[in-house]
Amino acid sequence: MANQTIQTKRAPAALGAYSQGIKAGATVYVSGQLGLSEPSGELPLTFSEQARQAFLNIESILKEAGLTRHDVVKFTVFLSDLNNFSELNILMESLFMSGSFPARSVIQATRLPKDALIEIDAIAVH
């Protein structure tokens, strides 16, 4: 079975030589998403706004593949400042109110593209 490229106009276009997402069998891999808003392509100012928008961008890509955030099995989150860890947890608790959270890694990065405060990638399974 060939890999399928997942592309949507409801999320910002890739900033480089990569796809928004790839479907391989029953698994969808979503590339790292910043909190860029579509169609402006601008980053909101606050961590909370950027984080919420990054999750919305992931949801738009998943929707294109016929999935939702509840199909995510793993997030990898890159923060420019680990002091935002608690705020990330609060946001994730509101997004996954059932308490059934995906696996997750959180890493502090020295610098993210466009000087973003957060970048998130995801793995989801049908």
PDB file of N, CA and C in Angstrom:
ATOM      1  N   MET A   1       0.847  -1.178   0.000  1.00  0.00           N
ATOM      2  CA  MET A   1       0.000   0.000   0.000  1.00  0.00           C
ATOM      3  C   MET A   1       0.892   1.240   0.000  1.00  0.00           C
ATOM      4  N   ALA A   2       0.640   2.143  -0.910  1.00  0.00           N
ATOM      5  CA  ALA A   2       1.429   3.373  -1.025  1.00  0.00           C
ATOM      6  C   ALA A   2       1.024   4.372   0.053  1.00  0.00           C
ATOM      7  N   ASN A   3       1.987   5.147   0.494  1.00  0.00           N
ATOM      8  CA  ASN A   3       1.697   6.235   1.424  1.00  0.00           C
ATOM      9  C   ASN A   3       0.871   7.294   0.715  1.00  0.00           C
ATOM     10  N   GLN A   4      -0.006   7.948   1.473  1.00  0.00           N
ATOM     11  CA  GLN A   4      -0.870   8.993   0.920  1.00  0.00           C
ATOM     12  C   GLN A   4      -0.531  10.322   1.594  1.00  0.00           C
ATOM     13  N   THR A   5      -0.300  11.345   0.798  1.00  0.00           N
ATOM     14  CA  THR A   5      -0.047  12.685   1.329  1.00  0.00           C
ATOM     15  C   THR A   5      -1.361  13.302   1.780  1.00  0.00           C
ATOM     16  N   ILE A   6      -1.354  13.883   2.971  1.00  0.00           N
ATOM     17  CA  ILE A   6      -2.528  14.577   3.508  1.00  0.00           C
ATOM     18  C   ILE A   6      -2.241  16.069   3.418  1.00  0.00           C
ATOM     19  N   GLN A   7      -3.114  16.790   2.748  1.00  0.00           N
ATOM     20  CA  GLN A   7      -2.940  18.221   2.521  1.00  0.00           C
ATOM     21  C   GLN A   7      -4.292  18.914   2.676  1.00  0.00           C
ATOM     22  N   THR A   8      -4.339  20.011   3.402  1.00  0.00           N
ATOM     23  CA  THR A   8      -5.577  20.781   3.538  1.00  0.00           C
ATOM     24  C   THR A   8      -5.264  22.270   3.518  1.00  0.00           C
ATOM     25  N   LYS A   9      -6.192  23.040   3.012  1.00  0.00           N
ATOM     26  CA  LYS A   9      -6.065  24.505   3.026  1.00  0.00           C
ATOM     27  C   LYS A   9      -6.550  25.079   4.354  1.00  0.00           C
ATOM     28  N   ARG A  10      -7.133  24.235   5.223  1.00  0.00           N
ATOM     29  CA  ARG A  10      -7.636  24.696   6.524  1.00  0.00           C
ATOM     30  C   ARG A  10      -6.525  24.773   7.578  1.00  0.00           C
ATOM     31  N   ALA A  11      -5.298  24.423   7.179  1.00  0.00           N
ATOM     32  CA  ALA A  11      -4.137  24.552   8.058  1.00  0.00           C
ATOM     33  C   ALA A  11      -3.032  25.232   7.251  1.00  0.00           C
ATOM     34  N   PRO A  12      -2.101  25.883   7.926  1.00  0.00           N
ATOM     35  CA  PRO A  12      -1.034  26.571   7.202  1.00  0.00           C
ATOM     36  C   PRO A  12      -0.229  25.604   6.325  1.00  0.00           C
ATOM     37  N   ALA A  13       0.201  26.086   5.188  1.00  0.00           N
ATOM     38  CA  ALA A  13       1.044  25.297   4.297  1.00  0.00           C
ATOM     39  C   ALA A  13       2.374  25.002   4.978  1.00  0.00           C
ATOM     40  N   ALA A  14       3.002  23.934   4.562  1.00  0.00           N
ATOM     41  CA  ALA A  14       4.314  23.568   5.088  1.00  0.00           C
ATOM     42  C   ALA A  14       5.303  24.704   4.843  1.00  0.00           C
ATOM     43  N   LEU A  15       6.199  24.912   5.799  1.00  0.00           N
ATOM     44  CA  LEU A  15       7.199  25.970   5.695  1.00  0.00           C
ATOM     45  C   LEU A  15       8.457  25.490   4.975  1.00  0.00           C
ATOM     46  N   GLY A  16       8.493  24.227   4.597  1.00  0.00           N
ATOM     47  CA  GLY A  16       9.678  23.675   3.961  1.00  0.00           C
ATOM     48  C   GLY A  16       9.328  22.466   3.115  1.00  0.00           C
ATOM     49  N   ALA A  17      10.294  21.607   2.939  1.00  0.00           N
ATOM     50  CA  ALA A  17      10.153  20.431   2.079  1.00  0.00           C
ATOM     51  C   ALA A  17       9.591  19.255   2.872  1.00  0.00           C
ATOM     52  N   TYR A  18       8.327  19.351   3.232  1.00  0.00           N
ATOM     53  CA  TYR A  18       7.641  18.269   3.946  1.00  0.00           C
ATOM     54  C   TYR A  18       6.145  18.409   3.721  1.00  0.00           C
ATOM     55  N   SER A  19       5.413  17.353   4.025  1.00  0.00           N
ATOM     56  CA  SER A  19       3.953  17.342   3.892  1.00  0.00           C
ATOM     57  C   SER A  19       3.307  17.668   5.228  1.00  0.00           C
ATOM     58  N   GLN A  20       2.088  18.205   5.180  1.00  0.00           N
ATOM     59  CA  GLN A  20       1.351  18.442   6.424  1.00  0.00           C
ATOM     60  C   GLN A  20       1.139  17.122   7.167  1.00  0.00           C
ATOM     61  N   GLY A  21       0.870  16.081   6.393  1.00  0.00           N
ATOM     62  CA  GLY A  21       0.664  14.774   7.000  1.00  0.00           C
ATOM     63  C   GLY A  21       0.866  13.675   5.980  1.00  0.00           C
ATOM     64  N   ILE A  22       1.085  12.470   6.489  1.00  0.00           N
ATOM     65  CA  ILE A  22       1.232  11.280   5.650  1.00  0.00           C
ATOM     66  C   ILE A  22       0.396  10.169   6.276  1.00  0.00           C
ATOM     67  N   LYS A  23      -0.403   9.510   5.438  1.00  0.00           N
ATOM     68  CA  LYS A  23      -1.146   8.332   5.874  1.00  0.00           C
ATOM     69  C   LYS A  23      -0.404   7.106   5.366  1.00  0.00           C
ATOM     70  N   ALA A  24      -0.020   6.237   6.288  1.00  0.00           N
ATOM     71  CA  ALA A  24       0.658   4.987   5.965  1.00  0.00           C
ATOM     72  C   ALA A  24      -0.156   3.863   6.588  1.00  0.00           C
ATOM     73  N   GLY A  25      -0.902   3.142   5.759  1.00  0.00           N
ATOM     74  CA  GLY A  25      -1.809   2.135   6.295  1.00  0.00           C
ATOM     75  C   GLY A  25      -2.890   2.809   7.118  1.00  0.00           C
ATOM     76  N   ALA A  26      -3.065   2.370   8.359  1.00  0.00           N
ATOM     77  CA  ALA A  26      -4.089   2.939   9.240  1.00  0.00           C
ATOM     78  C   ALA A  26      -3.548   4.072  10.100  1.00  0.00           C
ATOM     79  N   THR A  27      -2.281   4.438   9.903  1.00  0.00           N
ATOM     80  CA  THR A  27      -1.637   5.438  10.745  1.00  0.00           C
ATOM     81  C   THR A  27      -1.435   6.740   9.984  1.00  0.00           C
ATOM     82  N   VAL A  28      -1.718   7.854  10.654  1.00  0.00           N
ATOM     83  CA  VAL A  28      -1.498   9.178  10.081  1.00  0.00           C
ATOM     84  C   VAL A  28      -0.451   9.892  10.934  1.00  0.00           C
ATOM     85  N   TYR A  29       0.573  10.391  10.259  1.00  0.00           N
ATOM     86  CA  TYR A  29       1.648  11.148  10.889  1.00  0.00           C
ATOM     87  C   TYR A  29       1.474  12.610  10.511  1.00  0.00           C
ATOM     88  N   VAL A  30       1.248  13.459  11.503  1.00  0.00           N
ATOM     89  CA  VAL A  30       1.064  14.892  11.255  1.00  0.00           C
ATOM     90  C   VAL A  30       2.369  15.603  11.583  1.00  0.00           C
ATOM     91  N   SER A  31       2.884  16.344  10.605  1.00  0.00           N
ATOM     92  CA  SER A  31       4.116  17.110  10.805  1.00  0.00           C
ATOM     93  C   SER A  31       3.920  18.166  11.879  1.00  0.00           C
ATOM     94  N   GLY A  32       5.026  18.619  12.447  1.00  0.00           N
ATOM     95  CA  GLY A  32       4.981  19.635  13.487  1.00  0.00           C
ATOM     96  C   GLY A  32       4.198  20.857  13.047  1.00  0.00           C
ATOM     97  N   GLN A  33       3.267  21.261  13.904  1.00  0.00           N
ATOM     98  CA  GLN A  33       2.415  22.415  13.627  1.00  0.00           C
ATOM     99  C   GLN A  33       2.704  23.522  14.622  1.00  0.00           C
ATOM    100  N   LEU A  34       2.936  24.699  14.080  1.00  0.00           N
ATOM    101  CA  LEU A  34       3.053  25.901  14.899  1.00  0.00           C
ATOM    102  C   LEU A  34       1.654  26.451  15.129  1.00  0.00           C
ATOM    103  N   GLY A  35       1.566  27.492  15.895  1.00  0.00           N
ATOM    104  CA  GLY A  35       0.292  28.148  16.136  1.00  0.00           C
ATOM    105  C   GLY A  35      -0.058  29.179  15.082  1.00  0.00           C
ATOM    106  N   LEU A  36       0.407  28.967  13.859  1.00  0.00           N
ATOM    107  CA  LEU A  36       0.093  29.908  12.774  1.00  0.00           C
ATOM    108  C   LEU A  36      -1.387  29.846  12.457  1.00  0.00           C
ATOM    109  N   SER A  37      -2.007  31.020  12.334  1.00  0.00           N
ATOM    110  CA  SER A  37      -3.416  31.045  11.961  1.00  0.00           C
ATOM    111  C   SER A  37      -3.524  31.066  10.445  1.00  0.00           C
ATOM    112  N   GLU A  38      -4.549  30.427   9.962  1.00  0.00           N
ATOM    113  CA  GLU A  38      -4.809  30.374   8.517  1.00  0.00           C
ATOM    114  C   GLU A  38      -6.016  31.263   8.254  1.00  0.00           C
ATOM    115  N   PRO A  39      -6.070  32.173   7.358  1.00  0.00           N
ATOM    116  CA  PRO A  39      -5.147  32.312   6.245  1.00  0.00           C
ATOM    117  C   PRO A  39      -4.044  33.343   6.456  1.00  0.00           C
ATOM    118  N   SER A  40      -4.020  34.023   7.605  1.00  0.00           N
ATOM    119  CA  SER A  40      -3.062  35.124   7.772  1.00  0.00           C
ATOM    120  C   SER A  40      -1.617  34.651   7.834  1.00  0.00           C
ATOM    121  N   GLY A  41      -1.396  33.453   8.351  1.00  0.00           N
ATOM    122  CA  GLY A  41      -0.032  32.958   8.491  1.00  0.00           C
ATOM    123  C   GLY A  41       0.733  33.622   9.612  1.00  0.00           C
ATOM    124  N   GLU A  42       0.030  34.332  10.481  1.00  0.00           N
ATOM    125  CA  GLU A  42       0.669  35.040  11.588  1.00  0.00           C
ATOM    126  C   GLU A  42       0.603  34.215  12.869  1.00  0.00           C
ATOM    127  N   LEU A  43       1.577  34.418  13.745  1.00  0.00           N
ATOM    128  CA  LEU A  43       1.576  33.783  15.060  1.00  0.00           C
ATOM    129  C   LEU A  43       0.880  34.689  16.064  1.00  0.00           C
ATOM    130  N   PRO A  44      -0.067  34.149  16.835  1.00  0.00           N
ATOM    131  CA  PRO A  44      -0.626  34.936  17.941  1.00  0.00           C
ATOM    132  C   PRO A  44       0.486  35.273  18.935  1.00  0.00           C
ATOM    133  N   LEU A  45       0.227  36.213  19.803  1.00  0.00           N
ATOM    134  CA  LEU A  45       1.259  36.685  20.721  1.00  0.00           C
ATOM    135  C   LEU A  45       1.474  35.791  21.933  1.00  0.00           C
ATOM    136  N   THR A  46       0.418  35.215  22.487  1.00  0.00           N
ATOM    137  CA  THR A  46       0.562  34.482  23.743  1.00  0.00           C
ATOM    138  C   THR A  46       0.772  32.988  23.514  1.00  0.00           C
ATOM    139  N   PHE A  47       1.368  32.353  24.518  1.00  0.00           N
ATOM    140  CA  PHE A  47       1.573  30.908  24.457  1.00  0.00           C
ATOM    141  C   PHE A  47       0.243  30.181  24.312  1.00  0.00           C
ATOM    142  N   SER A  48      -0.737  30.569  25.110  1.00  0.00           N
ATOM    143  CA  SER A  48      -2.041  29.907  25.089  1.00  0.00           C
ATOM    144  C   SER A  48      -2.682  29.967  23.702  1.00  0.00           C
ATOM    145  N   GLU A  49      -2.633  31.134  23.081  1.00  0.00           N
ATOM    146  CA  GLU A  49      -3.213  31.285  21.741  1.00  0.00           C
ATOM    147  C   GLU A  49      -2.459  30.453  20.710  1.00  0.00           C
ATOM    148  N   GLN A  50      -1.138  30.443  20.799  1.00  0.00           N
ATOM    149  CA  GLN A  50      -0.352  29.646  19.856  1.00  0.00           C
ATOM    150  C   GLN A  50      -0.621  28.152  20.050  1.00  0.00           C
ATOM    151  N   ALA A  51      -0.681  27.717  21.293  1.00  0.00           N
ATOM    152  CA  ALA A  51      -0.917  26.298  21.576  1.00  0.00           C
ATOM    153  C   ALA A  51      -2.283  25.867  21.069  1.00  0.00           C
ATOM    154  N   ARG A  52      -3.302  26.653  21.367  1.00  0.00           N
ATOM    155  CA  ARG A  52      -4.659  26.322  20.918  1.00  0.00           C
ATOM    156  C   ARG A  52      -4.710  26.245  19.389  1.00  0.00           C
ATOM    157  N   GLN A  53      -4.063  27.191  18.711  1.00  0.00           N
ATOM    158  CA  GLN A  53      -4.071  27.208  17.246  1.00  0.00           C
ATOM    159  C   GLN A  53      -3.291  26.020  16.689  1.00  0.00           C
ATOM    160  N   ALA A  54      -2.192  25.652  17.315  1.00  0.00           N
ATOM    161  CA  ALA A  54      -1.435  24.478  16.851  1.00  0.00           C
ATOM    162  C   ALA A  54      -2.302  23.229  16.910  1.00  0.00           C
ATOM    163  N   PHE A  55      -3.067  23.067  17.995  1.00  0.00           N
ATOM    164  CA  PHE A  55      -3.972  21.922  18.095  1.00  0.00           C
ATOM    165  C   PHE A  55      -5.068  22.003  17.034  1.00  0.00           C
ATOM    166  N   LEU A  56      -5.586  23.198  16.776  1.00  0.00           N
ATOM    167  CA  LEU A  56      -6.598  23.353  15.717  1.00  0.00           C
ATOM    168  C   LEU A  56      -6.020  22.993  14.353  1.00  0.00           C
ATOM    169  N   ASN A  57      -4.782  23.371  14.094  1.00  0.00           N
ATOM    170  CA  ASN A  57      -4.138  23.021  12.825  1.00  0.00           C
ATOM    171  C   ASN A  57      -4.005  21.508  12.688  1.00  0.00           C
ATOM    172  N   ILE A  58      -3.624  20.840  13.772  1.00  0.00           N
ATOM    173  CA  ILE A  58      -3.535  19.376  13.754  1.00  0.00           C
ATOM    174  C   ILE A  58      -4.905  18.773  13.479  1.00  0.00           C
ATOM    175  N   GLU A  59      -5.930  19.300  14.135  1.00  0.00           N
ATOM    176  CA  GLU A  59      -7.285  18.785  13.916  1.00  0.00           C
ATOM    177  C   GLU A  59      -7.722  18.940  12.466  1.00  0.00           C
ATOM    178  N   SER A  60      -7.371  20.045  11.830  1.00  0.00           N
ATOM    179  CA  SER A  60      -7.736  20.255  10.425  1.00  0.00           C
ATOM    180  C   SER A  60      -7.064  19.223   9.525  1.00  0.00           C
ATOM    181  N   ILE A  61      -5.828  18.914   9.801  1.00  0.00           N
ATOM    182  CA  ILE A  61      -5.106  17.909   9.002  1.00  0.00           C
ATOM    183  C   ILE A  61      -5.698  16.523   9.256  1.00  0.00           C
ATOM    184  N   LEU A  62      -5.981  16.215  10.519  1.00  0.00           N
ATOM    185  CA  LEU A  62      -6.597  14.932  10.834  1.00  0.00           C
ATOM    186  C   LEU A  62      -7.966  14.789  10.170  1.00  0.00           C
ATOM    187  N   LYS A  63      -8.739  15.872  10.174  1.00  0.00           N
ATOM    188  CA  LYS A  63     -10.064  15.840   9.550  1.00  0.00           C
ATOM    189  C   LYS A  63      -9.952  15.492   8.068  1.00  0.00           C
ATOM    190  N   GLU A  64      -8.945  16.036   7.395  1.00  0.00           N
ATOM    191  CA  GLU A  64      -8.713  15.742   5.983  1.00  0.00           C
ATOM    192  C   GLU A  64      -8.472  14.244   5.770  1.00  0.00           C
ATOM    193  N   ALA A  65      -7.916  13.590   6.801  1.00  0.00           N
ATOM    194  CA  ALA A  65      -7.639  12.151   6.738  1.00  0.00           C
ATOM    195  C   ALA A  65      -8.787  11.323   7.312  1.00  0.00           C
ATOM    196  N   GLY A  66      -9.879  11.991   7.721  1.00  0.00           N
ATOM    197  CA  GLY A  66     -11.032  11.274   8.274  1.00  0.00           C
ATOM    198  C   GLY A  66     -10.880  10.915   9.742  1.00  0.00           C
ATOM    199  N   LEU A  67     -10.039  11.642  10.459  1.00  0.00           N
ATOM    200  CA  LEU A  67      -9.788  11.370  11.876  1.00  0.00           C
ATOM    201  C   LEU A  67     -10.093  12.597  12.727  1.00  0.00           C
ATOM    202  N   THR A  68     -10.062  12.416  14.046  1.00  0.00           N
ATOM    203  CA  THR A  68     -10.233  13.520  14.993  1.00  0.00           C
ATOM    204  C   THR A  68      -9.094  13.475  16.007  1.00  0.00           C
ATOM    205  N   ARG A  69      -9.045  14.455  16.886  1.00  0.00           N
ATOM    206  CA  ARG A  69      -7.997  14.471  17.910  1.00  0.00           C
ATOM    207  C   ARG A  69      -8.091  13.254  18.829  1.00  0.00           C
ATOM    208  N   HIS A  70      -9.275  12.648  18.917  1.00  0.00           N
ATOM    209  CA  HIS A  70      -9.448  11.483  19.778  1.00  0.00           C
ATOM    210  C   HIS A  70      -8.836  10.215  19.173  1.00  0.00           C
ATOM    211  N   ASP A  71      -8.387  10.301  17.922  1.00  0.00           N
ATOM    212  CA  ASP A  71      -7.672   9.191  17.289  1.00  0.00           C
ATOM    213  C   ASP A  71      -6.160   9.302  17.479  1.00  0.00           C
ATOM    214  N   VAL A  72      -5.706  10.392  18.088  1.00  0.00           N
ATOM    215  CA  VAL A  72      -4.269  10.594  18.310  1.00  0.00           C
ATOM    216  C   VAL A  72      -3.796   9.640  19.405  1.00  0.00           C
ATOM    217  N   VAL A  73      -2.693   8.942  19.114  1.00  0.00           N
ATOM    218  CA  VAL A  73      -2.101   8.047  20.108  1.00  0.00           C
ATOM    219  C   VAL A  73      -0.842   8.651  20.726  1.00  0.00           C
ATOM    220  N   LYS A  74      -0.240   9.649  20.053  1.00  0.00           N
ATOM    221  CA  LYS A  74       0.996  10.246  20.563  1.00  0.00           C
ATOM    222  C   LYS A  74       1.172  11.665  20.044  1.00  0.00           C
ATOM    223  N   PHE A  75       1.465  12.571  20.957  1.00  0.00           N
ATOM    224  CA  PHE A  75       1.884  13.932  20.617  1.00  0.00           C
ATOM    225  C   PHE A  75       3.342  14.091  21.020  1.00  0.00           C
ATOM    226  N   THR A  76       4.091  14.828  20.228  1.00  0.00           N
ATOM    227  CA  THR A  76       5.400  15.318  20.643  1.00  0.00           C
ATOM    228  C   THR A  76       5.290  16.833  20.632  1.00  0.00           C
ATOM    229  N   VAL A  77       5.594  17.438  21.768  1.00  0.00           N
ATOM    230  CA  VAL A  77       5.428  18.878  21.941  1.00  0.00           C
ATOM    231  C   VAL A  77       6.796  19.501  22.201  1.00  0.00           C
ATOM    232  N   PHE A  78       7.095  20.512  21.414  1.00  0.00           N
ATOM    233  CA  PHE A  78       8.334  21.277  21.587  1.00  0.00           C
ATOM    234  C   PHE A  78       7.961  22.645  22.134  1.00  0.00           C
ATOM    235  N   LEU A  79       8.540  23.008  23.269  1.00  0.00           N
ATOM    236  CA  LEU A  79       8.285  24.302  23.899  1.00  0.00           C
ATOM    237  C   LEU A  79       9.565  25.127  23.874  1.00  0.00           C
ATOM    238  N   SER A  80       9.422  26.408  23.611  1.00  0.00           N
ATOM    239  CA  SER A  80      10.587  27.283  23.703  1.00  0.00           C
ATOM    240  C   SER A  80      10.919  27.592  25.157  1.00  0.00           C
ATOM    241  N   ASP A  81       9.968  27.326  26.060  1.00  0.00           N
ATOM    242  CA  ASP A  81      10.171  27.605  27.477  1.00  0.00           C
ATOM    243  C   ASP A  81       9.355  26.601  28.296  1.00  0.00           C
ATOM    244  N   LEU A  82      10.026  25.734  29.053  1.00  0.00           N
ATOM    245  CA  LEU A  82       9.315  24.737  29.858  1.00  0.00           C
ATOM    246  C   LEU A  82       8.462  25.357  30.959  1.00  0.00           C
ATOM    247  N   ASN A  83       8.607  26.643  31.206  1.00  0.00           N
ATOM    248  CA  ASN A  83       7.722  27.304  32.164  1.00  0.00           C
ATOM    249  C   ASN A  83       6.273  27.294  31.686  1.00  0.00           C
ATOM    250  N   ASN A  84       6.043  26.997  30.400  1.00  0.00           N
ATOM    251  CA  ASN A  84       4.681  26.906  29.858  1.00  0.00           C
ATOM    252  C   ASN A  84       4.093  25.504  29.992  1.00  0.00           C
ATOM    253  N   PHE A  85       4.803  24.589  30.641  1.00  0.00           N
ATOM    254  CA  PHE A  85       4.365  23.197  30.789  1.00  0.00           C
ATOM    255  C   PHE A  85       2.994  23.101  31.468  1.00  0.00           C
ATOM    256  N   SER A  86       2.789  23.837  32.547  1.00  0.00           N
ATOM    257  CA  SER A  86       1.510  23.791  33.272  1.00  0.00           C
ATOM    258  C   SER A  86       0.365  24.288  32.411  1.00  0.00           C
ATOM    259  N   GLU A  87       0.598  25.338  31.660  1.00  0.00           N
ATOM    260  CA  GLU A  87      -0.431  25.883  30.772  1.00  0.00           C
ATOM    261  C   GLU A  87      -0.778  24.878  29.666  1.00  0.00           C
ATOM    262  N   LEU A  88       0.232  24.167  29.168  1.00  0.00           N
ATOM    263  CA  LEU A  88      -0.007  23.111  28.184  1.00  0.00           C
ATOM    264  C   LEU A  88      -0.899  22.027  28.779  1.00  0.00           C
ATOM    265  N   ASN A  89      -0.621  21.622  30.006  1.00  0.00           N
ATOM    266  CA  ASN A  89      -1.439  20.591  30.652  1.00  0.00           C
ATOM    267  C   ASN A  89      -2.887  21.032  30.815  1.00  0.00           C
ATOM    268  N   ILE A  90      -3.097  22.270  31.188  1.00  0.00           N
ATOM    269  CA  ILE A  90      -4.462  22.790  31.343  1.00  0.00           C
ATOM    270  C   ILE A  90      -5.199  22.738  30.013  1.00  0.00           C
ATOM    271  N   LEU A  91      -4.529  23.158  28.939  1.00  0.00           N
ATOM    272  CA  LEU A  91      -5.152  23.127  27.616  1.00  0.00           C
ATOM    273  C   LEU A  91      -5.474  21.695  27.211  1.00  0.00           C
ATOM    274  N   MET A  92      -4.539  20.777  27.415  1.00  0.00           N
ATOM    275  CA  MET A  92      -4.793  19.383  27.025  1.00  0.00           C
ATOM    276  C   MET A  92      -5.925  18.768  27.843  1.00  0.00           C
ATOM    277  N   GLU A  93      -6.009  19.123  29.106  1.00  0.00           N
ATOM    278  CA  GLU A  93      -7.128  18.631  29.926  1.00  0.00           C
ATOM    279  C   GLU A  93      -8.463  19.106  29.367  1.00  0.00           C
ATOM    280  N   SER A  94      -8.512  20.329  28.842  1.00  0.00           N
ATOM    281  CA  SER A  94      -9.760  20.843  28.269  1.00  0.00           C
ATOM    282  C   SER A  94     -10.070  20.187  26.923  1.00  0.00           C
ATOM    283  N   LEU A  95      -9.048  19.779  26.173  1.00  0.00           N
ATOM    284  CA  LEU A  95      -9.259  19.143  24.876  1.00  0.00           C
ATOM    285  C   LEU A  95      -9.630  17.666  25.002  1.00  0.00           C
ATOM    286  N   PHE A  96      -9.174  17.024  26.063  1.00  0.00           N
ATOM    287  CA  PHE A  96      -9.421  15.599  26.274  1.00  0.00           C
ATOM    288  C   PHE A  96     -10.117  15.420  27.616  1.00  0.00           C
ATOM    289  N   MET A  97     -11.328  15.961  27.705  1.00  0.00           N
ATOM    290  CA  MET A  97     -12.066  15.993  28.963  1.00  0.00           C
ATOM    291  C   MET A  97     -12.416  14.610  29.493  1.00  0.00           C
ATOM    292  N   SER A  98     -12.405  13.591  28.631  1.00  0.00           N
ATOM    293  CA  SER A  98     -12.730  12.242  29.084  1.00  0.00           C
ATOM    294  C   SER A  98     -11.650  11.685  29.995  1.00  0.00           C
ATOM    295  N   GLY A  99     -10.478  12.335  29.991  1.00  0.00           N
ATOM    296  CA  GLY A  99      -9.371  11.853  30.811  1.00  0.00           C
ATOM    297  C   GLY A  99      -8.556  10.781  30.116  1.00  0.00           C
ATOM    298  N   SER A 100      -8.942  10.416  28.914  1.00  0.00           N
ATOM    299  CA  SER A 100      -8.195   9.436  28.129  1.00  0.00           C
ATOM    300  C   SER A 100      -7.200  10.196  27.256  1.00  0.00           C
ATOM    301  N   PHE A 101      -6.021  10.402  27.803  1.00  0.00           N
ATOM    302  CA  PHE A 101      -5.014  11.214  27.135  1.00  0.00           C
ATOM    303  C   PHE A 101      -4.128  10.357  26.235  1.00  0.00           C
ATOM    304  N   PRO A 102      -3.690  10.928  25.105  1.00  0.00           N
ATOM    305  CA  PRO A 102      -2.691  10.233  24.289  1.00  0.00           C
ATOM    306  C   PRO A 102      -1.343  10.222  25.010  1.00  0.00           C
ATOM    307  N   ALA A 103      -0.445   9.371  24.552  1.00  0.00           N
ATOM    308  CA  ALA A 103       0.931   9.435  25.043  1.00  0.00           C
ATOM    309  C   ALA A 103       1.506  10.785  24.606  1.00  0.00           C
ATOM    310  N   ARG A 104       2.530  11.257  25.320  1.00  0.00           N
ATOM    311  CA  ARG A 104       3.066  12.579  24.988  1.00  0.00           C
ATOM    312  C   ARG A 104       4.498  12.716  25.466  1.00  0.00           C
ATOM    313  N   SER A 105       5.291  13.397  24.666  1.00  0.00           N
ATOM    314  CA  SER A 105       6.627  13.829  25.070  1.00  0.00           C
ATOM    315  C   SER A 105       6.641  15.346  24.990  1.00  0.00           C
ATOM    316  N   VAL A 106       7.333  15.991  25.921  1.00  0.00           N
ATOM    317  CA  VAL A 106       7.489  17.448  25.893  1.00  0.00           C
ATOM    318  C   VAL A 106       8.974  17.746  26.000  1.00  0.00           C
ATOM    319  N   ILE A 107       9.455  18.538  25.078  1.00  0.00           N
ATOM    320  CA  ILE A 107      10.872  18.849  24.978  1.00  0.00           C
ATOM    321  C   ILE A 107      11.040  20.362  24.895  1.00  0.00           C
ATOM    322  N   GLN A 108      12.003  20.903  25.638  1.00  0.00           N
ATOM    323  CA  GLN A 108      12.319  22.322  25.464  1.00  0.00           C
ATOM    324  C   GLN A 108      13.305  22.452  24.318  1.00  0.00           C
ATOM    325  N   ALA A 109      12.967  23.312  23.376  1.00  0.00           N
ATOM    326  CA  ALA A 109      13.826  23.558  22.212  1.00  0.00           C
ATOM    327  C   ALA A 109      14.424  24.952  22.344  1.00  0.00           C
ATOM    328  N   THR A 110      15.653  25.080  21.939  1.00  0.00           N
ATOM    329  CA  THR A 110      16.326  26.373  22.001  1.00  0.00           C
ATOM    330  C   THR A 110      15.603  27.413  21.154  1.00  0.00           C
ATOM    331  N   ARG A 111      15.179  26.983  19.964  1.00  0.00           N
ATOM    332  CA  ARG A 111      14.478  27.903  19.071  1.00  0.00           C
ATOM    333  C   ARG A 111      13.597  27.102  18.129  1.00  0.00           C
ATOM    334  N   LEU A 112      12.421  27.635  17.844  1.00  0.00           N
ATOM    335  CA  LEU A 112      11.474  26.998  16.927  1.00  0.00           C
ATOM    336  C   LEU A 112      11.312  27.869  15.685  1.00  0.00           C
ATOM    337  N   PRO A 113      10.850  27.280  14.572  1.00  0.00           N
ATOM    338  CA  PRO A 113      10.635  28.085  13.365  1.00  0.00           C
ATOM    339  C   PRO A 113       9.755  29.300  13.659  1.00  0.00           C
ATOM    340  N   LYS A 114      10.077  30.395  13.002  1.00  0.00           N
ATOM    341  CA  LYS A 114       9.350  31.667  13.149  1.00  0.00           C
ATOM    342  C   LYS A 114       9.352  32.175  14.587  1.00  0.00           C
ATOM    343  N   ASP A 115      10.280  31.690  15.390  1.00  0.00           N
ATOM    344  CA  ASP A 115      10.367  32.039  16.815  1.00  0.00           C
ATOM    345  C   ASP A 115       9.072  31.726  17.557  1.00  0.00           C
ATOM    346  N   ALA A 116       8.404  30.652  17.142  1.00  0.00           N
ATOM    347  CA  ALA A 116       7.168  30.216  17.796  1.00  0.00           C
ATOM    348  C   ALA A 116       7.461  29.788  19.234  1.00  0.00           C
ATOM    349  N   LEU A 117       6.424  29.778  20.044  1.00  0.00           N
ATOM    350  CA  LEU A 117       6.544  29.359  21.437  1.00  0.00           C
ATOM    351  C   LEU A 117       6.270  27.873  21.612  1.00  0.00           C
ATOM    352  N   ILE A 118       5.623  27.243  20.596  1.00  0.00           N
ATOM    353  CA  ILE A 118       5.253  25.834  20.676  1.00  0.00           C
ATOM    354  C   ILE A 118       5.166  25.244  19.271  1.00  0.00           C
ATOM    355  N   GLU A 119       5.523  23.978  19.170  1.00  0.00           N
ATOM    356  CA  GLU A 119       5.323  23.195  17.947  1.00  0.00           C
ATOM    357  C   GLU A 119       4.887  21.808  18.395  1.00  0.00           C
ATOM    358  N   ILE A 120       3.886  21.252  17.701  1.00  0.00           N
ATOM    359  CA  ILE A 120       3.324  19.955  18.087  1.00  0.00           C
ATOM    360  C   ILE A 120       3.217  19.073  16.851  1.00  0.00           C
ATOM    361  N   ASP A 121       3.677  17.822  16.983  1.00  0.00           N
ATOM    362  CA  ASP A 121       3.378  16.838  15.933  1.00  0.00           C
ATOM    363  C   ASP A 121       2.536  15.733  16.544  1.00  0.00           C
ATOM    364  N   ALA A 122       1.938  14.915  15.686  1.00  0.00           N
ATOM    365  CA  ALA A 122       0.991  13.921  16.184  1.00  0.00           C
ATOM    366  C   ALA A 122       1.054  12.647  15.362  1.00  0.00           C
ATOM    367  N   ILE A 123       0.722  11.549  16.019  1.00  0.00           N
ATOM    368  CA  ILE A 123       0.522  10.264  15.347  1.00  0.00           C
ATOM    369  C   ILE A 123      -0.879   9.806  15.725  1.00  0.00           C
ATOM    370  N   ALA A 124      -1.681   9.488  14.709  1.00  0.00           N
ATOM    371  CA  ALA A 124      -3.060   9.045  14.927  1.00  0.00           C
ATOM    372  C   ALA A 124      -3.283   7.734  14.183  1.00  0.00           C
ATOM    373  N   VAL A 125      -4.220   6.942  14.689  1.00  0.00           N
ATOM    374  CA  VAL A 125      -4.519   5.643  14.087  1.00  0.00           C
ATOM    375  C   VAL A 125      -6.024   5.522  13.901  1.00  0.00           C
ATOM    376  N   HIS A 126      -6.420   5.013  12.709  1.00  0.00           N
ATOM    377  CA  HIS A 126      -7.845   4.742  12.437  1.00  0.00           C
ATOM    378  C   HIS A 126      -8.353   3.710  13.384  1.00  0.00           C
TER     379      HIS A 126
END
